[in-house]
Structure formats: C-alpha cells, structure tokens
Amino acid sequence: MKLSLHKNDLQEYTSTQLNHFFPDADPVKLSAHSKVFDLTLDRLDHCFQKAAFDRYFKDNNTLLNHLYADHYLMYLWFLSNTFWKEGANEMIASKLYYLNKALHGFDCMYDTKLPDIFFVFHGVGTMLGKANYADYMVVLQGCTVGSQKGSYPDFGKGVALTANSSVIGKCTLGKRSTISTRTTIFEKDVPENATAYMDFETGQLHMKPSKICYAQQFFNVDLNTV
C-alpha cells in the first residue's frame, strides 16, 4: 500500500488528532501499537484491492491519502475495529470511533462487524448499526441501518445503500440489491438483483429487477460471481 505519509508520520498524525480532540490523562501514541497499525493497513489493503477506481487502486498498488476524506474515514474505522478485535486498547478504539464521528459525521461503533470488503462514500450523516453485513457493500451519505425491537437486517453480498436511504429491523436484503435514494426499508425483504425505491407522490414502496446492480460500478470484481 502506498501511503501519502510515511507510516511513522501517519501514526504521529493520527495520534496528534486524537490527543487534540481528547486531551485527557491518557495520551495516545500509535507508534506503541505497531502490530495493530500494521494489521489495519493489511486489512485496508485487502479491501482497496477490490476497488474499481484509480484513487484507491492503481498500477497494482492500493493507495491511502490522509487528505482524501473517504480514504481517511475507512482507515479510522478499520483502525478502531482492529484495536477492538485484537483486544489491544478499547479506550483508543473509542477515541478513534469518536474522531471518525467528529471529522466525517460517520457513526459506526468499533465493535460493529462490517465486512472485510466494503466502501463508504461521502459518509456524512451515515449511521451503521450492528446488522449482519456482507462483502461488496456500498454505502453513501445520510444512510441509516438500525434495529427494531432488537432485530437487525441481514445483508447479502453486493448490497448498495444510496443517499439518504434507511434499512430498519428484521429483514433480508438479497444479493446485489439496491436501496434507492430516500427510500426506507422497514421490516421488508428485498429480493436478489432488485432495486427498492419510493414513489414520492404516493409514498408507496416498489421493487423492480435490476439489470446491473448499483454496487458493481465500485468494484473490479464481477459481483455475479461472488
């Protein structure tokens, strides 16, 4: 993975941000957690290898630019989650979650089980709860995934949540399904290879077959084969 900052400088950069936002008695020094940091970059590299865009994967190299907000949002989430998974330091995981929320308006707890391969684009106002997610997920701005009476959605591979859409409660989103802009799915299943959309004049929810799933444009992998 090609970094816009040297690894040591990126550790210091993120540590400085954390200590600026959270000036408590336990300052963070990410260089003291090199194993967690390296695992994070490995996970991010694995994810970005599947991207269809040069900004993420170019000339057989993945890219992480600390000044490209969508990159940095993903990096902070993977870093917070890796701290939690490795049992390294839950306080740092909490601070990284909070930093992501402060910088990007992205609300996804460090212990949420997001998939290994996914992308969040323009993630301001997006909240991802503890659903059952799957690889090749795409999420845009203003999206909500939440529970109803303790039950969460189940995602198939290749699901896309477009801008300002919501998925709430017990439901199944089939493989390669798309939730259209400003559409809310509340305890309703969506079939595979379908687009769910709201008729804004009548308020009715409709579903129709998709010729090509929305998420396909973001990945260099044929989603029909995964």
C-alpha atoms as a PDB file:
ATOM      1  CA  MET A   1       0.000   0.000   0.000  1.00  0.00           C
ATOM      2  CA  LYS A   2       1.282   3.443  -0.972  1.00  0.00           C
ATOM      3  CA  LEU A   3       0.791   5.974   1.809  1.00  0.00           C
ATOM      4  CA  SER A   4       0.668   9.742   1.376  1.00  0.00           C
ATOM      5  CA  LEU A   5       2.607   9.943   4.641  1.00  0.00           C
ATOM      6  CA  HIS A   6       5.362   7.636   5.805  1.00  0.00           C
ATOM      7  CA  LYS A   7       3.920   5.035   8.184  1.00  0.00           C
ATOM      8  CA  ASN A   8       5.596   6.622  11.210  1.00  0.00           C
ATOM      9  CA  ASP A   9       4.334  10.057  10.192  1.00  0.00           C
ATOM     10  CA  LEU A  10       0.790   8.721   9.733  1.00  0.00           C
ATOM     11  CA  GLN A  11       0.902   7.229  13.219  1.00  0.00           C
ATOM     12  CA  GLU A  12       2.037  10.565  14.622  1.00  0.00           C
ATOM     13  CA  TYR A  13      -0.524  12.498  12.560  1.00  0.00           C
ATOM     14  CA  THR A  14      -3.449  10.411  13.840  1.00  0.00           C
ATOM     15  CA  SER A  15      -2.086  10.421  17.401  1.00  0.00           C
ATOM     16  CA  THR A  16      -1.892  14.219  17.315  1.00  0.00           C
ATOM     17  CA  GLN A  17      -5.507  14.452  16.151  1.00  0.00           C
ATOM     18  CA  LEU A  18      -6.683  12.099  18.906  1.00  0.00           C
ATOM     19  CA  ASN A  19      -4.804  13.977  21.601  1.00  0.00           C
ATOM     20  CA  HIS A  20      -6.100  17.321  20.324  1.00  0.00           C
ATOM     21  CA  PHE A  21      -9.734  16.183  20.404  1.00  0.00           C
ATOM     22  CA  PHE A  22      -9.374  14.172  23.625  1.00  0.00           C
ATOM     23  CA  PRO A  23      -6.806  15.917  25.864  1.00  0.00           C
ATOM     24  CA  ASP A  24      -7.259  13.597  28.835  1.00  0.00           C
ATOM     25  CA  ALA A  25      -4.720  11.995  31.123  1.00  0.00           C
ATOM     26  CA  ASP A  26      -4.096   9.088  28.710  1.00  0.00           C
ATOM     27  CA  PRO A  27      -2.470  10.484  25.563  1.00  0.00           C
ATOM     28  CA  VAL A  28      -2.395   8.152  22.554  1.00  0.00           C
ATOM     29  CA  LYS A  29       0.840   7.119  20.890  1.00  0.00           C
ATOM     30  CA  LEU A  30       0.022   4.839  17.989  1.00  0.00           C
ATOM     31  CA  SER A  31       3.681   4.027  17.397  1.00  0.00           C
ATOM     32  CA  ALA A  32       3.456   1.944  20.578  1.00  0.00           C
ATOM     33  CA  HIS A  33       0.881  -0.273  18.844  1.00  0.00           C
ATOM     34  CA  SER A  34       2.754  -1.201  15.672  1.00  0.00           C
ATOM     35  CA  LYS A  35       1.137  -4.659  15.395  1.00  0.00           C
ATOM     36  CA  VAL A  36      -2.384  -3.203  15.415  1.00  0.00           C
ATOM     37  CA  PHE A  37      -1.345  -0.487  12.977  1.00  0.00           C
ATOM     38  CA  ASP A  38       0.209  -2.964  10.539  1.00  0.00           C
ATOM     39  CA  LEU A  39      -2.826  -5.253  10.732  1.00  0.00           C
ATOM     40  CA  THR A  40      -5.029  -2.264   9.965  1.00  0.00           C
ATOM     41  CA  LEU A  41      -3.054  -1.388   6.846  1.00  0.00           C
ATOM     42  CA  ASP A  42      -3.173  -5.031   5.734  1.00  0.00           C
ATOM     43  CA  ARG A  43      -6.967  -5.078   6.111  1.00  0.00           C
ATOM     44  CA  LEU A  44      -7.323  -1.766   4.304  1.00  0.00           C
ATOM     45  CA  ASP A  45      -5.061  -3.001   1.512  1.00  0.00           C
ATOM     46  CA  HIS A  46      -7.191  -6.142   1.117  1.00  0.00           C
ATOM     47  CA  CYS A  47     -10.330  -4.006   0.853  1.00  0.00           C
ATOM     48  CA  PHE A  48      -8.932  -1.374  -1.521  1.00  0.00           C
ATOM     49  CA  GLN A  49      -7.588  -4.049  -3.901  1.00  0.00           C
ATOM     50  CA  LYS A  50     -11.201  -4.665  -4.947  1.00  0.00           C
ATOM     51  CA  ALA A  51     -11.877  -1.014  -5.850  1.00  0.00           C
ATOM     52  CA  ALA A  52     -12.678  -0.040  -9.441  1.00  0.00           C
ATOM     53  CA  PHE A  53     -11.284   3.492  -9.029  1.00  0.00           C
ATOM     54  CA  ASP A  54      -7.715   4.682  -9.599  1.00  0.00           C
ATOM     55  CA  ARG A  55      -7.961   6.761  -6.469  1.00  0.00           C
ATOM     56  CA  TYR A  56      -7.969   3.521  -4.459  1.00  0.00           C
ATOM     57  CA  PHE A  57      -6.136   1.002  -6.637  1.00  0.00           C
ATOM     58  CA  LYS A  58      -3.785   1.966  -9.445  1.00  0.00           C
ATOM     59  CA  ASP A  59      -0.895   0.204 -11.191  1.00  0.00           C
ATOM     60  CA  ASN A  60      -1.381  -2.808  -8.950  1.00  0.00           C
ATOM     61  CA  ASN A  61      -0.948  -0.692  -5.809  1.00  0.00           C
ATOM     62  CA  THR A  62      -3.519   0.361  -3.242  1.00  0.00           C
ATOM     63  CA  LEU A  63      -3.429   3.993  -2.142  1.00  0.00           C
ATOM     64  CA  LEU A  64      -4.146   5.705   1.173  1.00  0.00           C
ATOM     65  CA  ASN A  65      -4.220   9.507   1.101  1.00  0.00           C
ATOM     66  CA  HIS A  66      -4.689  11.055   4.531  1.00  0.00           C
ATOM     67  CA  LEU A  67      -6.172  14.182   2.897  1.00  0.00           C
ATOM     68  CA  TYR A  68      -8.834  12.293   0.934  1.00  0.00           C
ATOM     69  CA  ALA A  69     -11.751  12.119   3.361  1.00  0.00           C
ATOM     70  CA  ASP A  70     -13.268   8.862   2.078  1.00  0.00           C
ATOM     71  CA  HIS A  71      -9.898   7.129   2.495  1.00  0.00           C
ATOM     72  CA  TYR A  72      -9.407   8.540   5.970  1.00  0.00           C
ATOM     73  CA  LEU A  73     -12.904   7.562   7.097  1.00  0.00           C
ATOM     74  CA  MET A  74     -12.229   3.957   6.085  1.00  0.00           C
ATOM     75  CA  TYR A  75      -8.795   3.996   7.697  1.00  0.00           C
ATOM     76  CA  LEU A  76     -10.138   5.281  11.027  1.00  0.00           C
ATOM     77  CA  TRP A  77     -12.895   2.680  11.122  1.00  0.00           C
ATOM     78  CA  PHE A  78     -10.554  -0.212  10.324  1.00  0.00           C
ATOM     79  CA  LEU A  79      -8.069   1.092  12.900  1.00  0.00           C
ATOM     80  CA  SER A  80     -10.721   1.354  15.631  1.00  0.00           C
ATOM     81  CA  ASN A  81     -12.090  -2.095  14.792  1.00  0.00           C
ATOM     82  CA  THR A  82      -8.630  -3.673  14.767  1.00  0.00           C
ATOM     83  CA  PHE A  83      -7.872  -2.256  18.210  1.00  0.00           C
ATOM     84  CA  TRP A  84     -11.108  -3.856  19.424  1.00  0.00           C
ATOM     85  CA  LYS A  85     -10.586  -7.201  17.654  1.00  0.00           C
ATOM     86  CA  GLU A  86      -7.044  -7.534  18.959  1.00  0.00           C
ATOM     87  CA  GLY A  87      -8.083  -6.594  22.483  1.00  0.00           C
ATOM     88  CA  ALA A  88      -5.311  -4.033  22.418  1.00  0.00           C
ATOM     89  CA  ASN A  89      -6.870  -0.930  23.944  1.00  0.00           C
ATOM     90  CA  GLU A  90     -10.609  -0.275  23.983  1.00  0.00           C
ATOM     91  CA  MET A  91     -10.098   3.314  25.090  1.00  0.00           C
ATOM     92  CA  ILE A  92      -8.150   4.031  21.881  1.00  0.00           C
ATOM     93  CA  ALA A  93     -10.837   2.231  19.872  1.00  0.00           C
ATOM     94  CA  SER A  94     -13.443   4.519  21.476  1.00  0.00           C
ATOM     95  CA  LYS A  95     -11.421   7.625  20.674  1.00  0.00           C
ATOM     96  CA  LEU A  96     -10.951   6.554  17.048  1.00  0.00           C
ATOM     97  CA  TYR A  97     -14.690   5.932  16.710  1.00  0.00           C
ATOM     98  CA  TYR A  98     -15.391   9.365  18.177  1.00  0.00           C
ATOM     99  CA  LEU A  99     -12.768  11.020  15.948  1.00  0.00           C
ATOM    100  CA  ASN A 100     -14.406   9.495  12.866  1.00  0.00           C
ATOM    101  CA  LYS A 101     -17.755  10.829  14.031  1.00  0.00           C
ATOM    102  CA  ALA A 102     -16.280  14.302  14.632  1.00  0.00           C
ATOM    103  CA  LEU A 103     -14.346  14.535  11.347  1.00  0.00           C
ATOM    104  CA  HIS A 104     -16.723  12.795   8.963  1.00  0.00           C
ATOM    105  CA  GLY A 105     -20.121  12.609  10.663  1.00  0.00           C
ATOM    106  CA  PHE A 106     -19.819   8.819  10.328  1.00  0.00           C
ATOM    107  CA  ASP A 107     -21.315   6.827  13.192  1.00  0.00           C
ATOM    108  CA  CYS A 108     -20.265   3.189  13.321  1.00  0.00           C
ATOM    109  CA  MET A 109     -19.045   1.660  16.562  1.00  0.00           C
ATOM    110  CA  TYR A 110     -15.673  -0.079  16.606  1.00  0.00           C
ATOM    111  CA  ASP A 111     -17.288  -3.414  17.533  1.00  0.00           C
ATOM    112  CA  THR A 112     -19.717  -3.412  14.594  1.00  0.00           C
ATOM    113  CA  LYS A 113     -18.992  -6.359  12.315  1.00  0.00           C
ATOM    114  CA  LEU A 114     -18.632  -4.612   8.992  1.00  0.00           C
ATOM    115  CA  PRO A 115     -17.414  -6.914   6.206  1.00  0.00           C
ATOM    116  CA  ASP A 116     -13.823  -7.211   5.001  1.00  0.00           C
ATOM    117  CA  ILE A 117     -14.660  -5.573   1.662  1.00  0.00           C
ATOM    118  CA  PHE A 118     -16.924  -2.521   1.602  1.00  0.00           C
ATOM    119  CA  PHE A 119     -16.858   1.185   0.773  1.00  0.00           C
ATOM    120  CA  VAL A 120     -18.394   4.267   2.328  1.00  0.00           C
ATOM    121  CA  PHE A 121     -18.513   7.292   0.031  1.00  0.00           C
ATOM    122  CA  HIS A 122     -19.374  10.829   1.194  1.00  0.00           C
ATOM    123  CA  GLY A 123     -20.267   9.269   4.538  1.00  0.00           C
ATOM    124  CA  VAL A 124     -21.583  12.391   6.319  1.00  0.00           C
ATOM    125  CA  GLY A 125     -24.677  11.574   8.343  1.00  0.00           C
ATOM    126  CA  THR A 126     -24.405   7.805   7.906  1.00  0.00           C
ATOM    127  CA  MET A 127     -25.054   5.521  10.884  1.00  0.00           C
ATOM    128  CA  LEU A 128     -24.380   1.786  10.592  1.00  0.00           C
ATOM    129  CA  GLY A 129     -25.743  -0.306  13.437  1.00  0.00           C
ATOM    130  CA  LYS A 130     -24.918  -3.886  14.336  1.00  0.00           C
ATOM    131  CA  ALA A 131     -26.567  -5.625  11.402  1.00  0.00           C
ATOM    132  CA  ASN A 132     -25.343  -8.796   9.681  1.00  0.00           C
ATOM    133  CA  TYR A 133     -23.309  -7.339   6.828  1.00  0.00           C
ATOM    134  CA  ALA A 134     -21.693  -8.991   3.808  1.00  0.00           C
ATOM    135  CA  ASP A 135     -18.822  -8.214   1.439  1.00  0.00           C
ATOM    136  CA  TYR A 136     -19.015  -5.795  -1.504  1.00  0.00           C
ATOM    137  CA  MET A 137     -21.342  -3.450   0.329  1.00  0.00           C
ATOM    138  CA  VAL A 138     -21.525   0.199  -0.753  1.00  0.00           C
ATOM    139  CA  VAL A 139     -22.955   2.933   1.466  1.00  0.00           C
ATOM    140  CA  LEU A 140     -23.402   6.599   0.574  1.00  0.00           C
ATOM    141  CA  GLN A 141     -24.212   9.684   2.659  1.00  0.00           C
ATOM    142  CA  GLY A 142     -27.129  10.040   5.024  1.00  0.00           C
ATOM    143  CA  CYS A 143     -27.851   6.321   5.390  1.00  0.00           C
ATOM    144  CA  THR A 144     -29.157   4.515   8.464  1.00  0.00           C
ATOM    145  CA  VAL A 145     -29.029   0.837   9.380  1.00  0.00           C
ATOM    146  CA  GLY A 146     -30.818   0.199  12.651  1.00  0.00           C
ATOM    147  CA  SER A 147     -32.827  -2.170  14.794  1.00  0.00           C
ATOM    148  CA  GLN A 148     -36.494  -2.638  15.640  1.00  0.00           C
ATOM    149  CA  LYS A 149     -37.108  -4.322  18.993  1.00  0.00           C
ATOM    150  CA  GLY A 150     -33.553  -5.663  18.943  1.00  0.00           C
ATOM    151  CA  SER A 151     -33.679  -7.167  15.441  1.00  0.00           C
ATOM    152  CA  TYR A 152     -31.333  -6.014  12.684  1.00  0.00           C
ATOM    153  CA  PRO A 153     -31.230  -6.500   8.905  1.00  0.00           C
ATOM    154  CA  ASP A 154     -29.330  -9.274   7.127  1.00  0.00           C
ATOM    155  CA  PHE A 155     -27.287  -8.210   4.086  1.00  0.00           C
ATOM    156  CA  GLY A 156     -26.388 -10.304   1.067  1.00  0.00           C
ATOM    157  CA  LYS A 157     -23.223  -9.643  -0.911  1.00  0.00           C
ATOM    158  CA  GLY A 158     -23.157  -6.630  -3.204  1.00  0.00           C
ATOM    159  CA  VAL A 159     -25.855  -4.569  -1.465  1.00  0.00           C
ATOM    160  CA  ALA A 160     -25.873  -0.794  -2.081  1.00  0.00           C
ATOM    161  CA  LEU A 161     -27.474   1.843   0.122  1.00  0.00           C
ATOM    162  CA  THR A 162     -27.733   5.022  -1.911  1.00  0.00           C
ATOM    163  CA  ALA A 163     -28.016   8.556  -0.492  1.00  0.00           C
ATOM    164  CA  ASN A 164     -30.389   9.083   2.441  1.00  0.00           C
ATOM    165  CA  SER A 165     -31.761   5.552   2.443  1.00  0.00           C
ATOM    166  CA  SER A 166     -32.571   3.532   5.564  1.00  0.00           C
ATOM    167  CA  VAL A 167     -32.917  -0.139   6.452  1.00  0.00           C
ATOM    168  CA  ILE A 168     -34.546  -0.855   9.790  1.00  0.00           C
ATOM    169  CA  GLY A 169     -35.473  -4.002  11.686  1.00  0.00           C
ATOM    170  CA  LYS A 170     -35.720  -7.676  10.789  1.00  0.00           C
ATOM    171  CA  CYS A 171     -35.390  -8.045   7.007  1.00  0.00           C
ATOM    172  CA  THR A 172     -33.169  -9.619   4.385  1.00  0.00           C
ATOM    173  CA  LEU A 173     -31.515  -7.653   1.600  1.00  0.00           C
ATOM    174  CA  GLY A 174     -30.780 -10.118  -1.181  1.00  0.00           C
ATOM    175  CA  LYS A 175     -27.505 -10.300  -3.053  1.00  0.00           C
ATOM    176  CA  ARG A 176     -26.815  -7.341  -5.339  1.00  0.00           C
ATOM    177  CA  SER A 177     -29.928  -5.479  -4.204  1.00  0.00           C
ATOM    178  CA  THR A 178     -30.078  -1.675  -4.186  1.00  0.00           C
ATOM    179  CA  ILE A 179     -31.960   0.668  -1.878  1.00  0.00           C
ATOM    180  CA  SER A 180     -32.675   3.815  -3.842  1.00  0.00           C
ATOM    181  CA  THR A 181     -32.352   7.428  -2.734  1.00  0.00           C
ATOM    182  CA  ARG A 182     -34.586   8.484   0.187  1.00  0.00           C
ATOM    183  CA  THR A 183     -36.099   5.012   0.431  1.00  0.00           C
ATOM    184  CA  THR A 184     -36.812   3.353   3.774  1.00  0.00           C
ATOM    185  CA  ILE A 185     -36.990  -0.409   4.170  1.00  0.00           C
ATOM    186  CA  PHE A 186     -38.799  -1.235   7.415  1.00  0.00           C
ATOM    187  CA  GLU A 187     -39.002  -4.947   8.165  1.00  0.00           C
ATOM    188  CA  LYS A 188     -39.463  -5.869   4.494  1.00  0.00           C
ATOM    189  CA  ASP A 189     -37.293  -8.272   2.492  1.00  0.00           C
ATOM    190  CA  VAL A 190     -35.728  -7.152  -0.777  1.00  0.00           C
ATOM    191  CA  PRO A 191     -35.116  -9.881  -3.408  1.00  0.00           C
ATOM    192  CA  GLU A 192     -31.771 -10.572  -5.032  1.00  0.00           C
ATOM    193  CA  ASN A 193     -30.902  -8.368  -8.007  1.00  0.00           C
ATOM    194  CA  ALA A 194     -33.710  -5.920  -7.211  1.00  0.00           C
ATOM    195  CA  THR A 195     -33.947  -2.172  -6.686  1.00  0.00           C
ATOM    196  CA  ALA A 196     -36.251  -0.902  -3.951  1.00  0.00           C
ATOM    197  CA  TYR A 197     -37.475   2.646  -4.458  1.00  0.00           C
ATOM    198  CA  MET A 198     -40.074   5.012  -3.072  1.00  0.00           C
ATOM    199  CA  ASP A 199     -42.748   6.700  -5.172  1.00  0.00           C
ATOM    200  CA  PHE A 200     -42.557  10.142  -3.611  1.00  0.00           C
ATOM    201  CA  GLU A 201     -46.012  11.145  -4.869  1.00  0.00           C
ATOM    202  CA  THR A 202     -47.866   8.191  -3.357  1.00  0.00           C
ATOM    203  CA  GLY A 203     -45.442   7.185  -0.613  1.00  0.00           C
ATOM    204  CA  GLN A 204     -45.557   3.585  -1.835  1.00  0.00           C
ATOM    205  CA  LEU A 205     -42.545   1.287  -1.811  1.00  0.00           C
ATOM    206  CA  HIS A 206     -41.807  -0.503  -5.092  1.00  0.00           C
ATOM    207  CA  MET A 207     -39.293  -3.170  -6.095  1.00  0.00           C
ATOM    208  CA  LYS A 208     -38.139  -3.965  -9.602  1.00  0.00           C
ATOM    209  CA  PRO A 209     -35.456  -6.197 -11.152  1.00  0.00           C
ATOM    210  CA  SER A 210     -32.087  -4.515 -11.709  1.00  0.00           C
ATOM    211  CA  LYS A 211     -30.239  -5.007 -14.997  1.00  0.00           C
ATOM    212  CA  ILE A 212     -26.927  -4.283 -13.298  1.00  0.00           C
ATOM    213  CA  CYS A 213     -26.622  -3.813  -9.559  1.00  0.00           C
ATOM    214  CA  TYR A 214     -25.640  -0.340  -8.403  1.00  0.00           C
ATOM    215  CA  ALA A 215     -22.677  -1.611  -6.376  1.00  0.00           C
ATOM    216  CA  GLN A 216     -20.982  -3.133  -9.447  1.00  0.00           C
ATOM    217  CA  GLN A 217     -19.545   0.214 -10.599  1.00  0.00           C
ATOM    218  CA  PHE A 218     -17.434   0.459  -7.436  1.00  0.00           C
ATOM    219  CA  PHE A 219     -15.664  -2.915  -7.651  1.00  0.00           C
ATOM    220  CA  ASN A 220     -13.228  -4.538 -10.072  1.00  0.00           C
ATOM    221  CA  VAL A 221     -14.816  -7.943  -9.347  1.00  0.00           C
ATOM    222  CA  ASP A 222     -17.848  -9.399 -11.148  1.00  0.00           C
ATOM    223  CA  LEU A 223     -20.411  -9.355  -8.349  1.00  0.00           C
ATOM    224  CA  ASN A 224     -22.453 -12.036 -10.112  1.00  0.00           C
ATOM    225  CA  THR A 225     -19.695 -14.498  -9.244  1.00  0.00           C
ATOM    226  CA  VAL A 226     -19.214 -13.729  -5.542  1.00  0.00           C
END
